[in-house]
Amino acid sequence: RNTVLQDLDLSGDALGSVGLAEIASALYRNTSIQHLDIARNGLDDLSAANTLRELLRRNKTITRLCMDRNTFGSNAVVVRCIADGFRTNTTLQVLDLSSCELNHQSLSILADSLGQQKRGLLNVNLSANQITCNDLRALVHNATAALSAVTHLKLSDNFDIYDEGASFLAETLRRQTLPNLKCLQLDNCGISIDGFTAVISALEEN
């Protein structure tokens, strides 16, 4: 019944799927909460995914969602369920999926779902996952419309991006595929002088 609360931080509370379901029943109709932090809560099974999907579908006020450090990324079935929620959500502006064990398959699923989203995200955190150059290609190519408004893209600690990934990102900078990008984090991504040179040279045209 509270219509004033805007920021709800439940990170590190070991909610699990049961606890999330209890809270979600109230959040489905909530009209005030804008920032929801459910990081590090063991939300990695199908039951939790179903609840998250319904939350993303029903709630129309949450603009910032932190789901980091929930290790659902290695389970394609769970990721696909959550992705269904992203597909229909039009309100999220900030999405934190860092340290979720997202791999090639799960990134492809998420890219496809975000690609069908009409409203763009502003801040996306994909740090500390298992992202490679091919994953970046899938994300940018399949979700260009959803990412067109992105101002902050965080890819830190994805150690397998390497120079190939840096070169691809350099090309997106050169072509301004992500025209509103203001902050790009690539620390600890296995990039050498070649990748660095590619990115820096792209800035001459960006």
N, C-alpha and C. Protein backbone atom coordinates (compact mmCIF):
# COMPACT_ATOMS: atom_id res chain seq x y z
N ARG A 1 0.81 -1.21 0.00
CA ARG A 1 0.00 0.00 0.00
C ARG A 1 0.85 1.26 0.00
N ASN A 2 2.15 1.14 0.21
CA ASN A 2 3.04 2.30 0.25
C ASN A 2 3.19 2.88 -1.15
N THR A 3 2.98 4.19 -1.28
CA THR A 3 3.09 4.85 -2.58
C THR A 3 4.19 5.90 -2.59
N VAL A 4 5.09 5.83 -1.59
CA VAL A 4 6.17 6.81 -1.47
C VAL A 4 7.53 6.19 -1.73
N LEU A 5 7.73 4.95 -1.30
CA LEU A 5 9.02 4.28 -1.41
C LEU A 5 9.48 4.20 -2.86
N GLN A 6 10.72 4.66 -3.13
CA GLN A 6 11.24 4.67 -4.49
C GLN A 6 12.45 3.76 -4.68
N ASP A 7 13.16 3.46 -3.60
CA ASP A 7 14.40 2.69 -3.70
C ASP A 7 14.34 1.52 -2.73
N LEU A 8 14.37 0.29 -3.27
CA LEU A 8 14.29 -0.91 -2.44
C LEU A 8 15.53 -1.77 -2.68
N ASP A 9 16.40 -1.85 -1.68
CA ASP A 9 17.64 -2.61 -1.78
C ASP A 9 17.53 -3.89 -0.96
N LEU A 10 17.49 -5.03 -1.64
CA LEU A 10 17.38 -6.33 -0.99
C LEU A 10 18.60 -7.20 -1.32
N SER A 11 19.69 -6.57 -1.68
CA SER A 11 20.87 -7.32 -2.11
C SER A 11 21.46 -8.14 -0.97
N GLY A 12 21.96 -9.33 -1.30
CA GLY A 12 22.65 -10.18 -0.35
C GLY A 12 21.78 -10.71 0.77
N ASP A 13 20.49 -10.90 0.53
CA ASP A 13 19.58 -11.34 1.57
C ASP A 13 19.20 -12.82 1.48
N ALA A 14 19.80 -13.56 0.54
CA ALA A 14 19.49 -14.99 0.40
C ALA A 14 18.00 -15.24 0.25
N LEU A 15 17.34 -14.42 -0.56
CA LEU A 15 15.90 -14.58 -0.76
C LEU A 15 15.54 -15.93 -1.35
N GLY A 16 16.27 -16.32 -2.40
CA GLY A 16 15.91 -17.52 -3.13
C GLY A 16 14.58 -17.31 -3.84
N SER A 17 14.10 -18.32 -4.52
CA SER A 17 12.88 -18.20 -5.30
C SER A 17 11.65 -17.98 -4.42
N VAL A 18 11.64 -18.59 -3.23
CA VAL A 18 10.50 -18.46 -2.32
C VAL A 18 10.36 -17.04 -1.79
N GLY A 19 11.47 -16.49 -1.32
CA GLY A 19 11.44 -15.12 -0.81
C GLY A 19 11.10 -14.11 -1.90
N LEU A 20 11.65 -14.31 -3.09
CA LEU A 20 11.36 -13.40 -4.20
C LEU A 20 9.88 -13.43 -4.55
N ALA A 21 9.29 -14.61 -4.56
CA ALA A 21 7.86 -14.74 -4.89
C ALA A 21 7.00 -13.97 -3.89
N GLU A 22 7.37 -14.02 -2.61
CA GLU A 22 6.62 -13.31 -1.58
C GLU A 22 6.66 -11.80 -1.84
N ILE A 23 7.84 -11.29 -2.15
CA ILE A 23 8.00 -9.85 -2.37
C ILE A 23 7.40 -9.42 -3.71
N ALA A 24 7.56 -10.27 -4.72
CA ALA A 24 7.09 -9.92 -6.06
C ALA A 24 5.58 -9.71 -6.10
N SER A 25 4.86 -10.46 -5.27
CA SER A 25 3.40 -10.32 -5.27
C SER A 25 2.98 -8.89 -4.94
N ALA A 26 3.80 -8.20 -4.13
CA ALA A 26 3.52 -6.80 -3.83
C ALA A 26 4.04 -5.87 -4.91
N LEU A 27 5.15 -6.27 -5.54
CA LEU A 27 5.76 -5.41 -6.56
C LEU A 27 5.02 -5.41 -7.88
N TYR A 28 4.22 -6.44 -8.12
CA TYR A 28 3.48 -6.51 -9.39
C TYR A 28 2.65 -5.24 -9.62
N ARG A 29 2.05 -4.73 -8.54
CA ARG A 29 1.15 -3.58 -8.68
C ARG A 29 1.73 -2.29 -8.09
N ASN A 30 2.95 -2.36 -7.60
CA ASN A 30 3.55 -1.17 -6.99
C ASN A 30 3.69 -0.05 -8.01
N THR A 31 3.41 1.17 -7.58
CA THR A 31 3.45 2.32 -8.50
C THR A 31 4.46 3.38 -8.09
N SER A 32 5.37 3.04 -7.17
CA SER A 32 6.32 4.06 -6.72
C SER A 32 7.78 3.63 -6.83
N ILE A 33 8.10 2.35 -6.63
CA ILE A 33 9.49 1.91 -6.62
C ILE A 33 10.13 2.04 -8.00
N GLN A 34 11.23 2.77 -8.05
CA GLN A 34 11.93 2.98 -9.31
C GLN A 34 13.23 2.18 -9.39
N HIS A 35 13.85 1.92 -8.22
CA HIS A 35 15.12 1.18 -8.19
C HIS A 35 14.94 -0.06 -7.34
N LEU A 36 15.15 -1.23 -7.95
CA LEU A 36 15.06 -2.49 -7.23
C LEU A 36 16.40 -3.22 -7.34
N ASP A 37 16.99 -3.52 -6.20
CA ASP A 37 18.27 -4.22 -6.15
C ASP A 37 18.06 -5.60 -5.52
N ILE A 38 18.18 -6.65 -6.33
CA ILE A 38 18.02 -8.03 -5.83
C ILE A 38 19.30 -8.82 -6.11
N ALA A 39 20.43 -8.14 -6.07
CA ALA A 39 21.72 -8.78 -6.32
C ALA A 39 22.04 -9.82 -5.26
N ARG A 40 22.78 -10.86 -5.66
CA ARG A 40 23.32 -11.87 -4.76
C ARG A 40 22.26 -12.47 -3.84
N ASN A 41 21.23 -13.04 -4.48
CA ASN A 41 20.14 -13.64 -3.71
C ASN A 41 19.85 -15.08 -4.10
N GLY A 42 20.77 -15.71 -4.83
CA GLY A 42 20.56 -17.11 -5.21
C GLY A 42 19.39 -17.30 -6.15
N LEU A 43 19.17 -16.32 -7.02
CA LEU A 43 18.05 -16.39 -7.97
C LEU A 43 18.54 -17.04 -9.27
N ASP A 44 18.70 -18.36 -9.23
CA ASP A 44 19.28 -19.04 -10.38
C ASP A 44 18.49 -20.25 -10.84
N ASP A 45 17.27 -20.43 -10.32
CA ASP A 45 16.48 -21.58 -10.75
C ASP A 45 15.25 -21.12 -11.55
N LEU A 46 14.53 -22.07 -12.10
CA LEU A 46 13.41 -21.74 -12.98
C LEU A 46 12.27 -21.06 -12.24
N SER A 47 12.08 -21.42 -10.99
CA SER A 47 11.02 -20.80 -10.20
C SER A 47 11.27 -19.30 -10.03
N ALA A 48 12.52 -18.95 -9.71
CA ALA A 48 12.88 -17.53 -9.58
C ALA A 48 12.75 -16.82 -10.93
N ALA A 49 13.12 -17.52 -12.00
CA ALA A 49 13.03 -16.94 -13.34
C ALA A 49 11.59 -16.62 -13.71
N ASN A 50 10.68 -17.52 -13.38
CA ASN A 50 9.27 -17.28 -13.66
C ASN A 50 8.76 -16.05 -12.92
N THR A 51 9.17 -15.90 -11.67
CA THR A 51 8.77 -14.73 -10.89
C THR A 51 9.34 -13.45 -11.48
N LEU A 52 10.62 -13.50 -11.88
CA LEU A 52 11.25 -12.33 -12.49
C LEU A 52 10.56 -11.96 -13.81
N ARG A 53 10.20 -12.97 -14.58
CA ARG A 53 9.51 -12.70 -15.85
C ARG A 53 8.19 -11.97 -15.60
N GLU A 54 7.41 -12.44 -14.63
CA GLU A 54 6.14 -11.80 -14.34
C GLU A 54 6.33 -10.39 -13.78
N LEU A 55 7.38 -10.22 -12.98
CA LEU A 55 7.67 -8.90 -12.43
C LEU A 55 8.00 -7.91 -13.55
N LEU A 56 8.82 -8.36 -14.48
CA LEU A 56 9.19 -7.50 -15.62
C LEU A 56 8.00 -7.19 -16.51
N ARG A 57 7.09 -8.12 -16.61
CA ARG A 57 5.90 -7.92 -17.44
C ARG A 57 4.89 -6.98 -16.80
N ARG A 58 4.69 -7.13 -15.50
CA ARG A 58 3.59 -6.42 -14.83
C ARG A 58 3.96 -5.05 -14.30
N ASN A 59 5.16 -4.92 -13.70
CA ASN A 59 5.52 -3.66 -13.08
C ASN A 59 5.90 -2.62 -14.13
N LYS A 60 5.33 -1.44 -14.02
CA LYS A 60 5.55 -0.39 -15.03
C LYS A 60 6.28 0.83 -14.47
N THR A 61 6.83 0.70 -13.26
CA THR A 61 7.51 1.86 -12.67
C THR A 61 9.00 1.65 -12.43
N ILE A 62 9.46 0.40 -12.31
CA ILE A 62 10.88 0.15 -12.06
C ILE A 62 11.71 0.53 -13.28
N THR A 63 12.65 1.45 -13.07
CA THR A 63 13.52 1.89 -14.16
C THR A 63 14.96 1.39 -13.99
N ARG A 64 15.32 1.02 -12.74
CA ARG A 64 16.67 0.51 -12.44
C ARG A 64 16.56 -0.85 -11.78
N LEU A 65 17.12 -1.85 -12.43
CA LEU A 65 17.05 -3.22 -11.90
C LEU A 65 18.46 -3.79 -11.80
N CYS A 66 18.86 -4.15 -10.57
CA CYS A 66 20.17 -4.76 -10.34
C CYS A 66 19.97 -6.23 -10.02
N MET A 67 20.44 -7.10 -10.92
CA MET A 67 20.32 -8.54 -10.75
C MET A 67 21.69 -9.20 -10.68
N ASP A 68 22.73 -8.42 -10.45
CA ASP A 68 24.09 -8.93 -10.47
C ASP A 68 24.35 -9.98 -9.40
N ARG A 69 25.32 -10.84 -9.69
CA ARG A 69 25.77 -11.89 -8.79
C ARG A 69 24.69 -12.93 -8.46
N ASN A 70 23.74 -13.09 -9.39
CA ASN A 70 22.84 -14.23 -9.37
C ASN A 70 23.26 -15.11 -10.55
N THR A 71 23.70 -16.31 -10.29
CA THR A 71 24.41 -17.10 -11.31
C THR A 71 23.48 -17.92 -12.19
N PHE A 72 22.53 -17.25 -12.82
CA PHE A 72 21.57 -17.94 -13.69
C PHE A 72 22.06 -18.07 -15.12
N GLY A 73 23.15 -17.38 -15.45
CA GLY A 73 23.59 -17.29 -16.84
C GLY A 73 24.02 -18.59 -17.48
N SER A 74 24.36 -19.60 -16.70
CA SER A 74 24.80 -20.88 -17.26
C SER A 74 23.64 -21.82 -17.57
N ASN A 75 22.42 -21.42 -17.25
CA ASN A 75 21.23 -22.24 -17.50
C ASN A 75 20.38 -21.58 -18.57
N ALA A 76 20.42 -22.12 -19.78
CA ALA A 76 19.74 -21.50 -20.92
C ALA A 76 18.23 -21.42 -20.72
N VAL A 77 17.64 -22.42 -20.07
CA VAL A 77 16.19 -22.43 -19.84
C VAL A 77 15.80 -21.26 -18.93
N VAL A 78 16.57 -21.06 -17.89
CA VAL A 78 16.31 -19.97 -16.96
C VAL A 78 16.50 -18.62 -17.65
N VAL A 79 17.57 -18.47 -18.41
CA VAL A 79 17.84 -17.23 -19.13
C VAL A 79 16.72 -16.92 -20.11
N ARG A 80 16.25 -17.93 -20.82
CA ARG A 80 15.17 -17.72 -21.79
C ARG A 80 13.90 -17.23 -21.12
N CYS A 81 13.62 -17.74 -19.94
CA CYS A 81 12.44 -17.32 -19.18
C CYS A 81 12.56 -15.85 -18.77
N ILE A 82 13.70 -15.46 -18.24
CA ILE A 82 13.92 -14.07 -17.84
C ILE A 82 13.90 -13.16 -19.06
N ALA A 83 14.48 -13.64 -20.15
CA ALA A 83 14.52 -12.86 -21.39
C ALA A 83 13.13 -12.55 -21.91
N ASP A 84 12.18 -13.45 -21.68
CA ASP A 84 10.79 -13.20 -22.08
C ASP A 84 10.25 -11.97 -21.37
N GLY A 85 10.68 -11.79 -20.12
CA GLY A 85 10.28 -10.60 -19.38
C GLY A 85 10.89 -9.34 -19.96
N PHE A 86 12.16 -9.39 -20.32
CA PHE A 86 12.81 -8.24 -20.94
C PHE A 86 12.14 -7.88 -22.26
N ARG A 87 11.68 -8.87 -22.98
CA ARG A 87 11.09 -8.66 -24.29
C ARG A 87 9.85 -7.76 -24.22
N THR A 88 9.09 -7.88 -23.14
CA THR A 88 7.84 -7.13 -23.03
C THR A 88 7.95 -5.88 -22.16
N ASN A 89 9.09 -5.70 -21.50
CA ASN A 89 9.26 -4.56 -20.61
C ASN A 89 9.68 -3.32 -21.39
N THR A 90 9.06 -2.18 -21.10
CA THR A 90 9.38 -0.94 -21.81
C THR A 90 9.82 0.18 -20.88
N THR A 91 10.04 -0.14 -19.61
CA THR A 91 10.36 0.92 -18.66
C THR A 91 11.81 0.92 -18.17
N LEU A 92 12.50 -0.22 -18.24
CA LEU A 92 13.87 -0.30 -17.71
C LEU A 92 14.82 0.65 -18.44
N GLN A 93 15.59 1.39 -17.67
CA GLN A 93 16.62 2.26 -18.22
C GLN A 93 18.02 1.85 -17.76
N VAL A 94 18.10 1.23 -16.58
CA VAL A 94 19.37 0.77 -16.04
C VAL A 94 19.26 -0.71 -15.71
N LEU A 95 20.17 -1.51 -16.27
CA LEU A 95 20.13 -2.96 -16.08
C LEU A 95 21.52 -3.46 -15.72
N ASP A 96 21.63 -4.08 -14.55
CA ASP A 96 22.92 -4.61 -14.08
C ASP A 96 22.85 -6.13 -14.07
N LEU A 97 23.61 -6.74 -14.99
CA LEU A 97 23.70 -8.19 -15.09
C LEU A 97 25.15 -8.65 -14.93
N SER A 98 25.92 -7.92 -14.15
CA SER A 98 27.31 -8.28 -13.94
C SER A 98 27.43 -9.52 -13.06
N SER A 99 28.46 -10.31 -13.30
CA SER A 99 28.76 -11.51 -12.51
C SER A 99 27.58 -12.47 -12.45
N CYS A 100 26.93 -12.68 -13.59
CA CYS A 100 25.80 -13.61 -13.66
C CYS A 100 26.14 -14.88 -14.44
N GLU A 101 27.43 -15.07 -14.75
CA GLU A 101 27.90 -16.24 -15.50
C GLU A 101 27.26 -16.34 -16.89
N LEU A 102 27.01 -15.20 -17.50
CA LEU A 102 26.46 -15.18 -18.85
C LEU A 102 27.51 -15.69 -19.83
N ASN A 103 27.13 -16.68 -20.65
CA ASN A 103 28.03 -17.25 -21.64
C ASN A 103 27.50 -16.99 -23.05
N HIS A 104 28.09 -17.65 -24.04
CA HIS A 104 27.71 -17.39 -25.43
C HIS A 104 26.23 -17.64 -25.69
N GLN A 105 25.73 -18.76 -25.21
CA GLN A 105 24.32 -19.10 -25.45
C GLN A 105 23.38 -18.12 -24.75
N SER A 106 23.66 -17.82 -23.50
CA SER A 106 22.77 -16.92 -22.75
C SER A 106 22.83 -15.49 -23.29
N LEU A 107 24.01 -15.04 -23.75
CA LEU A 107 24.11 -13.72 -24.34
C LEU A 107 23.30 -13.63 -25.62
N SER A 108 23.30 -14.69 -26.42
CA SER A 108 22.52 -14.71 -27.65
C SER A 108 21.03 -14.61 -27.36
N ILE A 109 20.59 -15.33 -26.33
CA ILE A 109 19.18 -15.30 -25.94
C ILE A 109 18.79 -13.89 -25.49
N LEU A 110 19.62 -13.28 -24.66
CA LEU A 110 19.33 -11.93 -24.18
C LEU A 110 19.35 -10.91 -25.31
N ALA A 111 20.30 -11.07 -26.22
CA ALA A 111 20.39 -10.14 -27.35
C ALA A 111 19.14 -10.19 -28.20
N ASP A 112 18.63 -11.40 -28.43
CA ASP A 112 17.40 -11.56 -29.22
C ASP A 112 16.22 -10.89 -28.54
N SER A 113 16.12 -11.08 -27.22
CA SER A 113 14.98 -10.51 -26.49
C SER A 113 15.07 -8.98 -26.43
N LEU A 114 16.26 -8.45 -26.18
CA LEU A 114 16.42 -7.01 -26.14
C LEU A 114 16.21 -6.40 -27.52
N GLY A 115 16.53 -7.16 -28.55
CA GLY A 115 16.35 -6.69 -29.91
C GLY A 115 14.90 -6.44 -30.27
N GLN A 116 14.00 -7.03 -29.51
CA GLN A 116 12.57 -6.85 -29.75
C GLN A 116 11.96 -5.79 -28.84
N GLN A 117 12.80 -5.17 -28.02
CA GLN A 117 12.33 -4.13 -27.12
C GLN A 117 12.27 -2.80 -27.86
N LYS A 118 11.18 -2.10 -27.70
CA LYS A 118 10.99 -0.85 -28.44
C LYS A 118 11.69 0.33 -27.79
N ARG A 119 11.71 0.34 -26.46
CA ARG A 119 12.32 1.46 -25.77
C ARG A 119 13.75 1.12 -25.37
N GLY A 120 14.66 2.07 -25.55
CA GLY A 120 16.06 1.78 -25.32
C GLY A 120 16.49 1.87 -23.87
N LEU A 121 17.55 1.14 -23.54
CA LEU A 121 18.19 1.21 -22.24
C LEU A 121 19.22 2.33 -22.24
N LEU A 122 19.54 2.85 -21.06
CA LEU A 122 20.53 3.91 -20.96
C LEU A 122 21.85 3.42 -20.36
N ASN A 123 21.77 2.49 -19.43
CA ASN A 123 22.96 2.03 -18.72
C ASN A 123 22.90 0.50 -18.61
N VAL A 124 23.87 -0.18 -19.21
CA VAL A 124 23.90 -1.64 -19.21
C VAL A 124 25.23 -2.11 -18.65
N ASN A 125 25.17 -2.94 -17.62
CA ASN A 125 26.38 -3.47 -16.99
C ASN A 125 26.45 -4.97 -17.22
N LEU A 126 27.43 -5.39 -18.03
CA LEU A 126 27.64 -6.81 -18.33
C LEU A 126 29.03 -7.25 -17.86
N SER A 127 29.56 -6.59 -16.88
CA SER A 127 30.90 -6.87 -16.40
C SER A 127 31.00 -8.26 -15.77
N ALA A 128 32.23 -8.81 -15.79
CA ALA A 128 32.56 -10.06 -15.09
C ALA A 128 31.66 -11.22 -15.50
N ASN A 129 31.45 -11.37 -16.79
CA ASN A 129 30.77 -12.54 -17.31
C ASN A 129 31.74 -13.34 -18.19
N GLN A 130 31.25 -14.02 -19.21
CA GLN A 130 32.11 -14.82 -20.08
C GLN A 130 31.95 -14.36 -21.53
N ILE A 131 31.97 -13.05 -21.72
CA ILE A 131 31.69 -12.44 -23.02
C ILE A 131 32.92 -12.45 -23.91
N THR A 132 32.71 -12.84 -25.17
CA THR A 132 33.76 -12.85 -26.19
C THR A 132 33.42 -11.87 -27.29
N CYS A 133 34.27 -11.77 -28.28
CA CYS A 133 34.01 -10.89 -29.43
C CYS A 133 32.73 -11.30 -30.15
N ASN A 134 32.53 -12.60 -30.35
CA ASN A 134 31.33 -13.07 -31.04
C ASN A 134 30.06 -12.69 -30.27
N ASP A 135 30.14 -12.71 -28.95
CA ASP A 135 29.00 -12.32 -28.14
C ASP A 135 28.69 -10.83 -28.32
N LEU A 136 29.74 -10.03 -28.40
CA LEU A 136 29.55 -8.60 -28.62
C LEU A 136 28.89 -8.34 -29.96
N ARG A 137 29.32 -9.09 -30.97
CA ARG A 137 28.71 -8.94 -32.30
C ARG A 137 27.22 -9.25 -32.25
N ALA A 138 26.87 -10.35 -31.59
CA ALA A 138 25.46 -10.75 -31.49
C ALA A 138 24.66 -9.70 -30.73
N LEU A 139 25.24 -9.19 -29.66
CA LEU A 139 24.54 -8.19 -28.85
C LEU A 139 24.28 -6.92 -29.64
N VAL A 140 25.30 -6.40 -30.28
CA VAL A 140 25.16 -5.13 -31.01
C VAL A 140 24.29 -5.30 -32.25
N HIS A 141 24.47 -6.37 -33.00
CA HIS A 141 23.72 -6.55 -34.23
C HIS A 141 22.25 -6.87 -33.98
N ASN A 142 21.97 -7.68 -32.96
CA ASN A 142 20.60 -8.11 -32.70
C ASN A 142 19.81 -7.13 -31.85
N ALA A 143 20.50 -6.29 -31.11
CA ALA A 143 19.80 -5.38 -30.19
C ALA A 143 20.16 -3.92 -30.46
N THR A 144 20.44 -3.58 -31.71
CA THR A 144 20.86 -2.22 -32.04
C THR A 144 19.81 -1.19 -31.64
N ALA A 145 18.54 -1.48 -31.92
CA ALA A 145 17.47 -0.53 -31.60
C ALA A 145 17.36 -0.30 -30.10
N ALA A 146 17.44 -1.39 -29.33
CA ALA A 146 17.32 -1.28 -27.87
C ALA A 146 18.51 -0.58 -27.26
N LEU A 147 19.68 -0.70 -27.91
CA LEU A 147 20.91 -0.11 -27.36
C LEU A 147 21.21 1.27 -27.94
N SER A 148 20.39 1.73 -28.85
CA SER A 148 20.69 3.00 -29.52
C SER A 148 20.73 4.19 -28.57
N ALA A 149 20.03 4.07 -27.44
CA ALA A 149 20.02 5.16 -26.48
C ALA A 149 21.05 5.00 -25.37
N VAL A 150 21.78 3.89 -25.36
CA VAL A 150 22.71 3.58 -24.28
C VAL A 150 23.79 4.66 -24.16
N THR A 151 23.98 5.12 -22.92
CA THR A 151 25.04 6.10 -22.65
C THR A 151 26.21 5.45 -21.90
N HIS A 152 25.93 4.37 -21.16
CA HIS A 152 26.97 3.68 -20.39
C HIS A 152 26.92 2.18 -20.67
N LEU A 153 28.03 1.64 -21.17
CA LEU A 153 28.15 0.21 -21.43
C LEU A 153 29.38 -0.30 -20.69
N LYS A 154 29.15 -1.19 -19.73
CA LYS A 154 30.23 -1.68 -18.88
C LYS A 154 30.53 -3.14 -19.22
N LEU A 155 31.77 -3.38 -19.65
CA LEU A 155 32.19 -4.72 -20.06
C LEU A 155 33.44 -5.17 -19.30
N SER A 156 33.73 -4.53 -18.21
CA SER A 156 34.95 -4.83 -17.44
C SER A 156 35.02 -6.30 -17.03
N ASP A 157 36.24 -6.80 -16.92
CA ASP A 157 36.50 -8.15 -16.39
C ASP A 157 35.89 -9.27 -17.22
N ASN A 158 35.69 -9.02 -18.50
CA ASN A 158 35.40 -10.10 -19.45
C ASN A 158 36.71 -10.40 -20.16
N PHE A 159 37.46 -11.33 -19.60
CA PHE A 159 38.85 -11.51 -19.96
C PHE A 159 39.08 -12.02 -21.39
N ASP A 160 38.01 -12.52 -22.05
CA ASP A 160 38.17 -13.10 -23.38
C ASP A 160 37.70 -12.19 -24.50
N ILE A 161 37.53 -10.92 -24.23
CA ILE A 161 37.18 -9.99 -25.31
C ILE A 161 38.37 -9.79 -26.24
N TYR A 162 39.55 -9.66 -25.68
CA TYR A 162 40.80 -9.58 -26.44
C TYR A 162 40.80 -8.46 -27.48
N ASP A 163 41.82 -8.47 -28.33
CA ASP A 163 41.97 -7.44 -29.36
C ASP A 163 40.88 -7.54 -30.42
N GLU A 164 40.41 -8.75 -30.69
CA GLU A 164 39.35 -8.92 -31.69
C GLU A 164 38.09 -8.18 -31.26
N GLY A 165 37.73 -8.34 -30.00
CA GLY A 165 36.56 -7.64 -29.49
C GLY A 165 36.76 -6.14 -29.44
N ALA A 166 37.97 -5.71 -29.08
CA ALA A 166 38.27 -4.29 -29.05
C ALA A 166 38.17 -3.68 -30.45
N SER A 167 38.64 -4.43 -31.44
CA SER A 167 38.57 -3.95 -32.83
C SER A 167 37.13 -3.83 -33.30
N PHE A 168 36.30 -4.80 -32.89
CA PHE A 168 34.88 -4.72 -33.25
C PHE A 168 34.22 -3.50 -32.60
N LEU A 169 34.52 -3.28 -31.32
CA LEU A 169 33.96 -2.12 -30.64
C LEU A 169 34.49 -0.82 -31.25
N ALA A 170 35.73 -0.84 -31.70
CA ALA A 170 36.29 0.33 -32.38
C ALA A 170 35.49 0.65 -33.63
N GLU A 171 35.08 -0.39 -34.34
CA GLU A 171 34.28 -0.19 -35.55
C GLU A 171 32.91 0.38 -35.21
N THR A 172 32.32 -0.07 -34.10
CA THR A 172 31.01 0.49 -33.71
C THR A 172 31.17 1.96 -33.32
N LEU A 173 32.32 2.30 -32.72
CA LEU A 173 32.58 3.70 -32.40
C LEU A 173 32.77 4.53 -33.66
N ARG A 174 33.50 3.96 -34.61
CA ARG A 174 33.78 4.67 -35.86
C ARG A 174 32.49 4.95 -36.62
N ARG A 175 31.61 3.95 -36.65
CA ARG A 175 30.34 4.09 -37.38
C ARG A 175 29.24 4.72 -36.53
N GLN A 176 29.53 4.94 -35.26
CA GLN A 176 28.56 5.47 -34.31
C GLN A 176 27.28 4.64 -34.30
N THR A 177 27.49 3.33 -34.24
CA THR A 177 26.37 2.40 -34.14
C THR A 177 25.61 2.61 -32.84
N LEU A 178 26.34 2.99 -31.80
CA LEU A 178 25.74 3.35 -30.52
C LEU A 178 25.94 4.86 -30.35
N PRO A 179 25.10 5.66 -30.96
CA PRO A 179 25.35 7.09 -31.11
C PRO A 179 25.37 7.90 -29.82
N ASN A 180 24.78 7.40 -28.76
CA ASN A 180 24.70 8.16 -27.52
C ASN A 180 25.69 7.70 -26.46
N LEU A 181 26.59 6.78 -26.83
CA LEU A 181 27.51 6.21 -25.87
C LEU A 181 28.48 7.26 -25.33
N LYS A 182 28.50 7.39 -23.99
CA LYS A 182 29.39 8.35 -23.33
C LYS A 182 30.45 7.67 -22.48
N CYS A 183 30.16 6.45 -22.03
CA CYS A 183 31.10 5.74 -21.16
C CYS A 183 31.19 4.29 -21.59
N LEU A 184 32.41 3.84 -21.92
CA LEU A 184 32.65 2.46 -22.32
C LEU A 184 33.78 1.91 -21.45
N GLN A 185 33.46 0.93 -20.61
CA GLN A 185 34.44 0.35 -19.71
C GLN A 185 34.96 -0.98 -20.25
N LEU A 186 36.28 -1.03 -20.48
CA LEU A 186 36.91 -2.21 -21.05
C LEU A 186 38.12 -2.64 -20.24
N ASP A 187 38.14 -2.30 -18.96
CA ASP A 187 39.29 -2.69 -18.14
C ASP A 187 39.28 -4.19 -17.86
N ASN A 188 40.45 -4.78 -17.84
CA ASN A 188 40.63 -6.22 -17.59
C ASN A 188 39.88 -7.08 -18.63
N CYS A 189 40.07 -6.73 -19.89
CA CYS A 189 39.41 -7.47 -20.97
C CYS A 189 40.43 -8.14 -21.90
N GLY A 190 41.67 -8.25 -21.47
CA GLY A 190 42.68 -8.94 -22.27
C GLY A 190 43.09 -8.20 -23.51
N ILE A 191 43.02 -6.88 -23.48
CA ILE A 191 43.32 -6.06 -24.67
C ILE A 191 44.79 -5.61 -24.64
N SER A 192 45.48 -5.84 -25.76
CA SER A 192 46.89 -5.44 -25.86
C SER A 192 47.00 -4.12 -26.63
N ILE A 193 48.21 -3.79 -27.02
CA ILE A 193 48.45 -2.52 -27.72
C ILE A 193 47.69 -2.45 -29.04
N ASP A 194 47.50 -3.59 -29.71
CA ASP A 194 46.78 -3.59 -30.99
C ASP A 194 45.32 -3.18 -30.81
N GLY A 195 44.67 -3.77 -29.81
CA GLY A 195 43.28 -3.41 -29.55
C GLY A 195 43.15 -1.98 -29.09
N PHE A 196 44.11 -1.56 -28.26
CA PHE A 196 44.11 -0.18 -27.78
C PHE A 196 44.24 0.80 -28.94
N THR A 197 45.14 0.49 -29.86
CA THR A 197 45.35 1.37 -31.02
C THR A 197 44.09 1.46 -31.87
N ALA A 198 43.40 0.34 -32.05
CA ALA A 198 42.17 0.32 -32.84
C ALA A 198 41.11 1.22 -32.22
N VAL A 199 40.96 1.13 -30.91
CA VAL A 199 39.95 1.93 -30.23
C VAL A 199 40.30 3.42 -30.30
N ILE A 200 41.55 3.75 -30.02
CA ILE A 200 41.98 5.15 -30.04
C ILE A 200 41.85 5.77 -31.43
N SER A 201 42.21 5.00 -32.45
CA SER A 201 42.11 5.53 -33.83
C SER A 201 40.65 5.77 -34.21
N ALA A 202 39.75 4.95 -33.67
CA ALA A 202 38.33 5.12 -33.98
C ALA A 202 37.80 6.44 -33.42
N LEU A 203 38.41 6.91 -32.35
CA LEU A 203 37.94 8.15 -31.72
C LEU A 203 38.22 9.38 -32.60
N GLU A 204 39.11 9.22 -33.58
CA GLU A 204 39.35 10.33 -34.48
C GLU A 204 38.11 10.65 -35.31
N GLU A 205 37.26 9.63 -35.50
CA GLU A 205 36.05 9.82 -36.31
C GLU A 205 34.79 9.84 -35.45
N ASN A 206 34.92 9.62 -34.15
CA ASN A 206 33.75 9.60 -33.27
C ASN A 206 33.64 10.94 -32.56
